[in-house]
N, C-alpha and C. Protein backbone atom coordinates (compact mmCIF):
# COMPACT_ATOMS: atom_id res chain seq x y z
N UNK A 1 58.91 153.16 225.08
CA UNK A 1 59.59 152.93 223.82
C UNK A 1 59.29 154.02 222.81
N UNK A 2 58.06 154.52 222.82
CA UNK A 2 57.66 155.56 221.90
C UNK A 2 58.44 156.84 222.16
N UNK A 3 58.72 157.16 223.45
CA UNK A 3 59.47 158.36 223.80
C UNK A 3 60.88 158.31 223.24
N UNK A 4 61.50 157.16 223.28
CA UNK A 4 62.86 156.99 222.76
C UNK A 4 62.87 157.20 221.24
N UNK A 5 61.86 156.67 220.57
CA UNK A 5 61.77 156.85 219.11
C UNK A 5 61.60 158.32 218.76
N UNK A 6 60.75 159.03 219.49
CA UNK A 6 60.54 160.45 219.23
C UNK A 6 61.82 161.23 219.51
N UNK A 7 62.49 160.93 220.61
CA UNK A 7 63.75 161.59 220.96
C UNK A 7 64.81 161.35 219.88
N UNK A 8 64.91 160.13 219.41
CA UNK A 8 65.88 159.82 218.36
C UNK A 8 65.57 160.58 217.07
N UNK A 9 64.29 160.67 216.73
CA UNK A 9 63.89 161.40 215.52
C UNK A 9 64.22 162.88 215.65
N UNK A 10 63.95 163.47 216.81
CA UNK A 10 64.25 164.89 217.03
C UNK A 10 65.75 165.13 216.96
N UNK A 11 66.54 164.27 217.55
CA UNK A 11 68.00 164.40 217.50
C UNK A 11 68.52 164.27 216.07
N UNK A 12 67.96 163.35 215.32
CA UNK A 12 68.38 163.16 213.93
C UNK A 12 68.05 164.39 213.09
N UNK A 13 66.86 164.93 213.25
CA UNK A 13 66.46 166.13 212.49
C UNK A 13 67.36 167.30 212.89
N UNK A 14 67.64 167.45 214.17
CA UNK A 14 68.51 168.53 214.63
C UNK A 14 69.92 168.41 214.07
N UNK A 15 70.46 167.20 214.01
CA UNK A 15 71.79 167.00 213.45
C UNK A 15 71.82 167.32 211.97
N UNK A 16 70.82 166.92 211.23
CA UNK A 16 70.76 167.20 209.78
C UNK A 16 70.66 168.70 209.54
N UNK A 17 69.81 169.39 210.28
CA UNK A 17 69.67 170.84 210.12
C UNK A 17 71.00 171.53 210.45
N UNK A 18 71.67 171.11 211.51
CA UNK A 18 72.96 171.69 211.88
C UNK A 18 74.01 171.50 210.81
N UNK A 19 74.07 170.32 210.24
CA UNK A 19 75.04 170.05 209.17
C UNK A 19 74.74 170.90 207.95
N UNK A 20 73.49 171.04 207.58
CA UNK A 20 73.12 171.85 206.42
C UNK A 20 73.45 173.33 206.63
N UNK A 21 73.23 173.83 207.83
CA UNK A 21 73.50 175.23 208.10
C UNK A 21 74.99 175.55 208.12
N UNK A 22 75.81 174.61 208.54
CA UNK A 22 77.24 174.86 208.67
C UNK A 22 78.07 174.42 207.48
N UNK A 23 77.47 173.85 206.46
CA UNK A 23 78.26 173.31 205.35
C UNK A 23 78.96 174.38 204.53
N UNK A 24 78.47 175.63 204.56
CA UNK A 24 79.09 176.71 203.80
C UNK A 24 80.09 177.51 204.62
N UNK A 25 80.22 177.20 205.89
CA UNK A 25 81.10 177.97 206.75
C UNK A 25 82.55 177.80 206.33
N UNK A 26 83.26 178.91 206.20
CA UNK A 26 84.67 178.89 205.84
C UNK A 26 84.94 178.77 204.36
N UNK A 27 83.91 178.70 203.54
CA UNK A 27 84.10 178.59 202.09
C UNK A 27 84.04 179.96 201.44
N UNK A 28 84.80 180.13 200.40
CA UNK A 28 84.81 181.39 199.65
C UNK A 28 83.68 181.34 198.64
N UNK A 29 82.84 182.38 198.65
CA UNK A 29 81.73 182.45 197.72
C UNK A 29 81.87 183.70 196.88
N UNK A 30 81.52 183.60 195.59
CA UNK A 30 81.51 184.77 194.72
C UNK A 30 80.45 185.73 195.21
N UNK A 31 80.75 187.01 195.15
CA UNK A 31 79.79 188.03 195.52
C UNK A 31 79.04 188.47 194.28
N UNK A 32 77.85 188.97 194.48
CA UNK A 32 77.06 189.47 193.35
C UNK A 32 77.76 190.68 192.76
N UNK A 33 77.81 190.74 191.45
CA UNK A 33 78.45 191.88 190.81
C UNK A 33 77.48 192.52 189.84
N UNK A 34 77.85 193.69 189.34
CA UNK A 34 77.03 194.37 188.36
C UNK A 34 75.92 195.20 188.96
N UNK A 35 76.05 195.62 190.22
CA UNK A 35 75.02 196.47 190.82
C UNK A 35 75.07 197.85 190.19
N UNK A 36 73.93 198.46 190.02
CA UNK A 36 73.88 199.80 189.44
C UNK A 36 74.24 200.83 190.51
N UNK A 37 74.75 201.98 190.04
CA UNK A 37 75.12 203.06 190.94
C UNK A 37 73.86 203.71 191.48
N UNK A 38 73.84 203.97 192.78
CA UNK A 38 72.69 204.61 193.41
C UNK A 38 73.17 205.29 194.68
N UNK A 39 72.25 205.93 195.37
CA UNK A 39 72.59 206.59 196.63
C UNK A 39 73.06 205.56 197.65
N UNK A 40 72.46 204.38 197.63
CA UNK A 40 72.87 203.32 198.56
C UNK A 40 74.30 202.89 198.27
N UNK A 41 74.65 202.75 196.99
CA UNK A 41 76.01 202.38 196.62
C UNK A 41 77.00 203.47 197.01
N UNK A 42 76.60 204.73 196.89
CA UNK A 42 77.47 205.84 197.26
C UNK A 42 77.75 205.82 198.76
N UNK A 43 76.74 205.52 199.56
CA UNK A 43 76.93 205.43 201.01
C UNK A 43 77.86 204.27 201.35
N UNK A 44 77.67 203.17 200.67
CA UNK A 44 78.53 202.01 200.90
C UNK A 44 79.97 202.32 200.52
N UNK A 45 80.16 202.97 199.38
CA UNK A 45 81.50 203.34 198.94
C UNK A 45 82.17 204.28 199.93
N UNK A 46 81.41 205.22 200.46
CA UNK A 46 81.95 206.16 201.44
C UNK A 46 82.38 205.44 202.72
N UNK A 47 81.55 204.52 203.19
CA UNK A 47 81.91 203.75 204.39
C UNK A 47 83.16 202.91 204.16
N UNK A 48 83.24 202.28 203.00
CA UNK A 48 84.39 201.43 202.70
C UNK A 48 85.66 202.25 202.50
N UNK A 49 85.56 203.38 201.82
CA UNK A 49 86.76 204.18 201.59
C UNK A 49 87.28 204.79 202.89
N UNK A 50 86.40 205.03 203.84
CA UNK A 50 86.81 205.55 205.15
C UNK A 50 87.77 204.60 205.86
N UNK A 51 87.61 203.29 205.64
CA UNK A 51 88.49 202.32 206.31
C UNK A 51 89.63 201.86 205.42
N UNK A 52 89.69 202.33 204.17
CA UNK A 52 90.82 202.02 203.30
C UNK A 52 90.54 201.09 202.15
N UNK A 53 89.32 200.62 201.99
CA UNK A 53 88.98 199.75 200.86
C UNK A 53 88.85 200.61 199.61
N UNK A 54 89.45 200.16 198.52
CA UNK A 54 89.40 200.89 197.26
C UNK A 54 90.55 201.86 197.10
N UNK A 55 91.63 201.65 197.85
CA UNK A 55 92.80 202.52 197.80
C UNK A 55 93.80 202.02 196.76
N UNK A 56 93.29 201.59 195.61
CA UNK A 56 94.11 201.07 194.51
C UNK A 56 94.91 199.83 194.89
N UNK A 57 94.44 199.11 195.90
CA UNK A 57 95.03 197.84 196.29
C UNK A 57 93.89 196.90 196.66
N UNK A 58 94.08 195.61 196.40
CA UNK A 58 93.07 194.68 196.91
C UNK A 58 93.08 194.71 198.44
N UNK A 59 91.98 194.32 199.04
CA UNK A 59 91.88 194.37 200.49
C UNK A 59 91.12 193.17 201.02
N UNK A 60 91.54 192.72 202.19
CA UNK A 60 90.82 191.70 202.94
C UNK A 60 90.25 192.41 204.15
N UNK A 61 88.93 192.47 204.22
CA UNK A 61 88.24 193.11 205.33
C UNK A 61 87.61 192.01 206.17
N UNK A 62 87.98 191.96 207.46
CA UNK A 62 87.35 190.96 208.32
C UNK A 62 86.80 191.63 209.56
N UNK A 63 85.57 191.25 209.88
CA UNK A 63 84.89 191.78 211.05
C UNK A 63 85.19 190.88 212.24
N UNK A 64 85.42 191.50 213.39
CA UNK A 64 85.72 190.75 214.60
C UNK A 64 85.11 191.46 215.79
N UNK A 65 85.29 190.87 216.95
CA UNK A 65 84.84 191.46 218.22
C UNK A 65 85.67 190.83 219.33
N UNK A 66 85.77 191.54 220.44
CA UNK A 66 86.53 191.01 221.58
C UNK A 66 85.96 189.70 222.08
N UNK A 67 84.65 189.55 221.98
CA UNK A 67 83.97 188.38 222.51
C UNK A 67 83.92 187.21 221.53
N UNK A 68 84.48 187.38 220.34
CA UNK A 68 84.42 186.35 219.28
C UNK A 68 85.67 185.47 219.34
N UNK A 69 85.50 184.23 219.72
CA UNK A 69 86.63 183.30 219.80
C UNK A 69 87.25 182.97 218.45
N UNK A 70 86.46 182.57 217.43
CA UNK A 70 87.04 182.21 216.14
C UNK A 70 87.69 183.38 215.40
N UNK A 71 87.41 184.62 215.82
CA UNK A 71 87.99 185.78 215.14
C UNK A 71 89.51 185.80 215.25
N UNK A 72 90.05 185.24 216.32
CA UNK A 72 91.51 185.17 216.46
C UNK A 72 92.10 184.25 215.39
N UNK A 73 91.41 183.18 215.06
CA UNK A 73 91.87 182.28 214.00
C UNK A 73 91.82 182.97 212.65
N UNK A 74 90.77 183.77 212.41
CA UNK A 74 90.67 184.52 211.16
C UNK A 74 91.83 185.50 211.07
N UNK A 75 92.12 186.17 212.16
CA UNK A 75 93.23 187.14 212.20
C UNK A 75 94.54 186.46 211.81
N UNK A 76 94.80 185.28 212.34
CA UNK A 76 96.04 184.55 212.01
C UNK A 76 96.08 184.16 210.54
N UNK A 77 94.96 183.65 210.01
CA UNK A 77 94.91 183.23 208.60
C UNK A 77 95.13 184.42 207.68
N UNK A 78 94.38 185.51 207.92
CA UNK A 78 94.48 186.68 207.05
C UNK A 78 95.88 187.30 207.13
N UNK A 79 96.40 187.45 208.33
CA UNK A 79 97.74 188.03 208.50
C UNK A 79 98.78 187.19 207.77
N UNK A 80 98.68 185.88 207.86
CA UNK A 80 99.64 185.00 207.19
C UNK A 80 99.56 185.10 205.68
N UNK A 81 98.36 185.08 205.13
CA UNK A 81 98.20 185.14 203.67
C UNK A 81 98.63 186.51 203.15
N UNK A 82 98.26 187.58 203.84
CA UNK A 82 98.65 188.92 203.40
C UNK A 82 100.17 189.07 203.47
N UNK A 83 100.79 188.53 204.51
CA UNK A 83 102.26 188.59 204.61
C UNK A 83 102.92 187.81 203.48
N UNK A 84 102.36 186.65 203.12
CA UNK A 84 102.91 185.87 202.01
C UNK A 84 102.81 186.61 200.68
N UNK A 85 101.80 187.44 200.53
CA UNK A 85 101.59 188.17 199.27
C UNK A 85 102.15 189.60 199.32
N UNK A 86 102.95 189.91 200.33
CA UNK A 86 103.45 191.28 200.48
C UNK A 86 104.42 191.69 199.39
N UNK A 87 105.01 190.74 198.69
CA UNK A 87 105.93 191.08 197.61
C UNK A 87 105.26 191.06 196.24
N UNK A 88 103.96 190.89 196.20
CA UNK A 88 103.22 190.88 194.93
C UNK A 88 103.21 192.28 194.32
N UNK A 89 102.85 192.37 193.05
CA UNK A 89 102.80 193.66 192.36
C UNK A 89 101.84 194.62 193.06
N UNK A 90 100.71 194.13 193.51
CA UNK A 90 99.74 194.94 194.26
C UNK A 90 99.39 194.18 195.53
N UNK A 91 100.22 194.31 196.57
CA UNK A 91 99.98 193.54 197.80
C UNK A 91 98.66 193.93 198.45
N UNK A 92 97.93 192.96 198.98
CA UNK A 92 96.62 193.26 199.59
C UNK A 92 96.75 193.92 200.95
N UNK A 93 95.74 194.68 201.30
CA UNK A 93 95.65 195.30 202.61
C UNK A 93 94.91 194.37 203.56
N UNK A 94 95.30 194.38 204.81
CA UNK A 94 94.61 193.62 205.86
C UNK A 94 93.87 194.63 206.72
N UNK A 95 92.54 194.62 206.64
CA UNK A 95 91.72 195.58 207.37
C UNK A 95 90.80 194.82 208.32
N UNK A 96 90.97 195.07 209.61
CA UNK A 96 90.11 194.43 210.61
C UNK A 96 89.21 195.49 211.22
N UNK A 97 87.92 195.19 211.31
CA UNK A 97 86.95 196.13 211.86
C UNK A 97 86.22 195.45 213.01
N UNK A 98 86.19 196.14 214.14
CA UNK A 98 85.43 195.67 215.30
C UNK A 98 83.96 195.96 215.04
N UNK A 99 83.15 194.92 215.01
CA UNK A 99 81.73 195.07 214.67
C UNK A 99 81.00 195.93 215.69
N UNK A 100 81.47 195.94 216.94
CA UNK A 100 80.84 196.76 217.97
C UNK A 100 81.20 198.23 217.79
N UNK A 101 82.37 198.51 217.21
CA UNK A 101 82.81 199.89 217.01
C UNK A 101 82.24 200.50 215.72
N UNK A 102 81.91 199.67 214.73
CA UNK A 102 81.41 200.18 213.45
C UNK A 102 80.20 199.37 212.98
N UNK A 103 79.09 199.45 213.71
CA UNK A 103 77.92 198.67 213.32
C UNK A 103 77.29 199.14 212.01
N UNK A 104 77.49 200.39 211.62
CA UNK A 104 76.91 200.89 210.37
C UNK A 104 77.52 200.18 209.17
N UNK A 105 78.82 199.98 209.19
CA UNK A 105 79.48 199.27 208.09
C UNK A 105 79.03 197.81 208.06
N UNK A 106 78.95 197.20 209.22
CA UNK A 106 78.50 195.81 209.29
C UNK A 106 77.08 195.67 208.75
N UNK A 107 76.22 196.62 209.08
CA UNK A 107 74.85 196.58 208.58
C UNK A 107 74.81 196.77 207.07
N UNK A 108 75.61 197.71 206.56
CA UNK A 108 75.65 197.98 205.12
C UNK A 108 76.10 196.76 204.33
N UNK A 109 77.03 195.98 204.90
CA UNK A 109 77.55 194.80 204.22
C UNK A 109 76.78 193.52 204.58
N UNK A 110 75.70 193.67 205.32
CA UNK A 110 74.86 192.53 205.72
C UNK A 110 75.63 191.47 206.47
N UNK A 111 76.44 191.89 207.42
CA UNK A 111 77.17 190.95 208.27
C UNK A 111 76.20 190.48 209.34
N UNK A 112 75.87 189.19 209.29
CA UNK A 112 74.89 188.64 210.21
C UNK A 112 75.52 187.78 211.30
N UNK A 113 76.77 187.38 211.10
CA UNK A 113 77.44 186.56 212.10
C UNK A 113 78.94 186.81 212.04
N UNK A 114 79.61 186.44 213.09
CA UNK A 114 81.06 186.55 213.15
C UNK A 114 81.66 185.16 213.20
N UNK A 115 82.81 184.99 212.63
CA UNK A 115 83.57 185.93 211.81
C UNK A 115 83.06 185.96 210.37
N UNK A 116 83.16 187.13 209.75
CA UNK A 116 82.83 187.31 208.34
C UNK A 116 83.98 188.07 207.70
N UNK A 117 84.43 187.57 206.55
CA UNK A 117 85.57 188.15 205.84
C UNK A 117 85.16 188.48 204.42
N UNK A 118 85.63 189.62 203.90
CA UNK A 118 85.37 190.04 202.54
C UNK A 118 86.69 190.21 201.81
N UNK A 119 86.68 189.95 200.51
CA UNK A 119 87.82 190.24 199.65
C UNK A 119 87.34 191.26 198.62
N UNK A 120 88.05 192.38 198.56
CA UNK A 120 87.74 193.45 197.62
C UNK A 120 88.89 193.60 196.62
N UNK A 121 88.56 193.96 195.39
CA UNK A 121 89.61 194.21 194.41
C UNK A 121 90.14 195.64 194.59
N UNK A 122 91.09 196.05 193.74
CA UNK A 122 91.73 197.36 193.87
C UNK A 122 90.76 198.52 193.65
N UNK A 123 89.66 198.27 192.97
CA UNK A 123 88.67 199.31 192.73
C UNK A 123 87.60 199.38 193.82
N UNK A 124 87.72 198.52 194.82
CA UNK A 124 86.76 198.51 195.92
C UNK A 124 85.53 197.69 195.68
N UNK A 125 85.56 196.84 194.63
CA UNK A 125 84.40 195.97 194.36
C UNK A 125 84.52 194.70 195.20
N UNK A 126 83.42 194.31 195.81
CA UNK A 126 83.40 193.09 196.60
C UNK A 126 83.50 191.90 195.66
N UNK A 127 84.50 191.05 195.88
CA UNK A 127 84.68 189.88 195.05
C UNK A 127 84.25 188.60 195.74
N UNK A 128 84.55 188.48 197.03
CA UNK A 128 84.23 187.27 197.77
C UNK A 128 83.78 187.61 199.17
N UNK A 129 82.95 186.72 199.73
CA UNK A 129 82.49 186.81 201.11
C UNK A 129 82.71 185.44 201.73
N UNK A 130 83.27 185.43 202.93
CA UNK A 130 83.59 184.18 203.61
C UNK A 130 82.95 184.22 205.00
N UNK A 131 82.10 183.26 205.29
CA UNK A 131 81.52 183.14 206.62
C UNK A 131 82.30 182.09 207.37
N UNK A 132 82.67 182.39 208.60
CA UNK A 132 83.48 181.47 209.38
C UNK A 132 84.96 181.72 209.13
N UNK A 133 85.77 180.78 209.58
CA UNK A 133 87.22 180.90 209.43
C UNK A 133 87.61 180.45 208.03
N UNK A 134 88.24 181.35 207.24
CA UNK A 134 88.61 180.96 205.88
C UNK A 134 89.76 179.96 205.88
N UNK A 135 89.77 179.11 204.88
CA UNK A 135 90.87 178.18 204.70
C UNK A 135 92.00 178.94 204.00
N UNK A 136 93.24 178.70 204.42
CA UNK A 136 94.39 179.43 203.88
C UNK A 136 94.45 179.32 202.36
N UNK A 137 94.31 178.12 201.83
CA UNK A 137 94.39 177.91 200.38
C UNK A 137 93.29 178.63 199.62
N UNK A 138 92.08 178.62 200.17
CA UNK A 138 90.97 179.30 199.51
C UNK A 138 91.18 180.81 199.50
N UNK A 139 91.62 181.36 200.63
CA UNK A 139 91.84 182.81 200.69
C UNK A 139 92.97 183.21 199.76
N UNK A 140 94.04 182.42 199.74
CA UNK A 140 95.17 182.73 198.85
C UNK A 140 94.74 182.68 197.38
N UNK A 141 93.97 181.66 197.01
CA UNK A 141 93.55 181.54 195.61
C UNK A 141 92.57 182.65 195.22
N UNK A 142 91.83 183.20 196.18
CA UNK A 142 90.95 184.33 195.89
C UNK A 142 91.75 185.62 195.73
N UNK A 143 92.85 185.75 196.47
CA UNK A 143 93.62 186.99 196.46
C UNK A 143 94.67 187.07 195.35
N UNK A 144 95.30 185.96 195.01
CA UNK A 144 96.42 186.00 194.05
C UNK A 144 96.05 186.69 192.74
N UNK A 145 94.93 186.38 192.09
CA UNK A 145 94.62 187.08 190.84
C UNK A 145 94.43 188.60 191.04
N UNK A 146 94.01 189.01 192.22
CA UNK A 146 93.78 190.43 192.49
C UNK A 146 95.08 191.19 192.74
N UNK A 147 96.16 190.48 193.05
CA UNK A 147 97.42 191.14 193.35
C UNK A 147 98.26 191.39 192.11
N UNK A 148 97.78 190.95 190.96
CA UNK A 148 98.46 191.21 189.71
C UNK A 148 98.16 192.65 189.28
N UNK A 149 99.07 193.29 188.61
CA UNK A 149 98.91 194.69 188.24
C UNK A 149 97.68 194.92 187.38
N UNK A 150 97.39 194.04 186.44
CA UNK A 150 96.27 194.22 185.52
C UNK A 150 94.95 193.70 186.04
N UNK A 151 94.90 193.20 187.30
CA UNK A 151 93.65 192.65 187.84
C UNK A 151 92.70 193.77 188.19
N UNK A 152 91.65 193.93 187.39
CA UNK A 152 90.68 194.99 187.69
C UNK A 152 89.28 194.47 187.54
């Protein structure tokens, strides 16, 4: 009987830890802003501009890999939202990066798991970070203000 009680307690603790770890998955979170300019920021800017972030348009950058199952769902969500906003004053760019092909950029942006999606404004500033598959409504509400001409 004692073994069953211990097993039940371990399963309960494992379930609670799992729920706590996954509760932020797919949610849009504000990114830290106001970082000072430094050599590290210059390297980050160079890496981002190489892939098209900061090209006077907002951008959705999502990291994927061939072996990542949920990345296909992210691709569908991002493609759909970007297509819906294609007639906006400043339509967003859809940028997909294979984490295996560009590990330096993933490291610079602290990508620790896949899928991870970023929303950048027209000046290349990180506005939001999304872990997991983003919800269509959340991604759209994060992008719409950035697609306005005066959004800076």
